[in-house]
Amino acid sequence: MDPQRIAKELRSQLRERPYWTTAAIVGVGWILGRSLPLRAVLVVAGIGARAAMAMALEDMISDRVRPPRAARKEEAT
């Protein structure tokens, strides 16, 4: 696999899913280097999981409260 392609994919994942990507990178770094204590990795992973759940809940709630854009445009016309 091409290193530039990997870097491009990591950048796109970081933009789309910043918390999950950060947690994954920290986890891989810990596995490869064993430089971080397991507790620190678990704390970072927990924070990332909570943030991801909060974003998912926020999206779900906003979708129920606010109709999709297409429906709003049809109502306006």
Protein backbone atom coordinates (compact mmCIF):
# COMPACT_ATOMS: atom_id res chain seq x y z
CA MET A 1 0.00 0.00 0.00
CA ASP A 2 1.22 3.48 -0.86
CA PRO A 3 2.16 5.67 2.17
CA GLN A 4 0.57 8.73 0.54
CA ARG A 5 -2.70 6.85 0.12
CA ILE A 6 -2.62 5.81 3.78
CA ALA A 7 -1.96 9.42 4.85
CA LYS A 8 -4.83 10.66 2.66
CA GLU A 9 -7.21 8.07 4.13
CA LEU A 10 -6.16 8.97 7.68
CA ARG A 11 -6.78 12.66 6.99
CA SER A 12 -10.25 11.98 5.60
CA GLN A 13 -11.11 9.73 8.56
CA LEU A 14 -9.82 12.36 10.96
CA ARG A 15 -12.12 14.96 9.37
CA GLU A 16 -15.17 12.66 9.37
CA ARG A 17 -14.61 10.87 12.71
CA PRO A 18 -12.09 12.82 14.78
CA TYR A 19 -12.65 11.08 18.11
CA TRP A 20 -12.67 7.51 16.78
CA THR A 21 -9.61 8.15 14.63
CA THR A 22 -7.70 9.69 17.52
CA ALA A 23 -8.59 6.79 19.80
CA ALA A 24 -7.55 4.28 17.13
CA ILE A 25 -4.23 6.03 16.54
CA VAL A 26 -3.49 6.13 20.26
CA GLY A 27 -4.38 2.45 20.54
CA VAL A 28 -2.14 1.47 17.65
CA GLY A 29 0.68 3.59 19.06
CA TRP A 30 0.34 1.90 22.42
CA ILE A 31 0.33 -1.55 20.90
CA LEU A 32 3.39 -0.81 18.76
CA GLY A 33 5.42 1.11 21.30
CA ARG A 34 3.97 0.16 24.66
CA SER A 35 4.94 3.65 25.73
CA LEU A 36 1.56 4.62 27.14
CA PRO A 37 0.10 2.90 30.16
CA LEU A 38 -2.99 0.82 29.43
CA ARG A 39 -5.04 3.01 31.75
CA ALA A 40 -4.27 6.12 29.67
CA VAL A 41 -5.30 4.33 26.47
CA LEU A 42 -8.56 3.23 28.08
CA VAL A 43 -9.27 6.77 29.27
CA VAL A 44 -8.70 8.22 25.78
CA ALA A 45 -10.81 5.46 24.20
CA GLY A 46 -13.58 6.11 26.71
CA ILE A 47 -13.56 9.82 25.98
CA GLY A 48 -13.68 9.12 22.25
CA ALA A 49 -16.56 6.67 22.67
CA ARG A 50 -18.56 9.12 24.78
CA ALA A 51 -17.99 11.93 22.30
CA ALA A 52 -19.05 9.71 19.40
CA MET A 53 -22.22 8.68 21.25
CA ALA A 54 -23.01 12.31 22.05
CA MET A 55 -22.63 13.28 18.39
CA ALA A 56 -24.81 10.36 17.29
CA LEU A 57 -27.51 11.28 19.82
CA GLU A 58 -27.37 14.91 18.77
CA ASP A 59 -27.85 13.95 15.12
CA MET A 60 -30.71 11.60 15.97
CA ILE A 61 -32.50 14.19 18.09
CA SER A 62 -32.05 16.98 15.56
CA ASP A 63 -33.41 14.72 12.79
CA ARG A 64 -36.55 14.09 14.81
CA VAL A 65 -37.07 17.72 15.80
CA ARG A 66 -36.25 19.31 12.48
CA PRO A 67 -37.60 17.86 9.21
CA PRO A 68 -35.14 17.12 6.39
CA ARG A 69 -34.31 19.96 3.98
CA ALA A 70 -36.23 18.40 1.09
CA ALA A 71 -39.42 18.27 3.16
CA ARG A 72 -39.00 21.90 4.24
CA LYS A 73 -38.59 23.01 0.61
CA GLU A 74 -41.75 21.15 -0.44
CA GLU A 75 -43.72 22.74 2.40
CA ALA A 76 -42.52 26.22 1.39
CA THR A 77 -43.70 25.87 -2.20
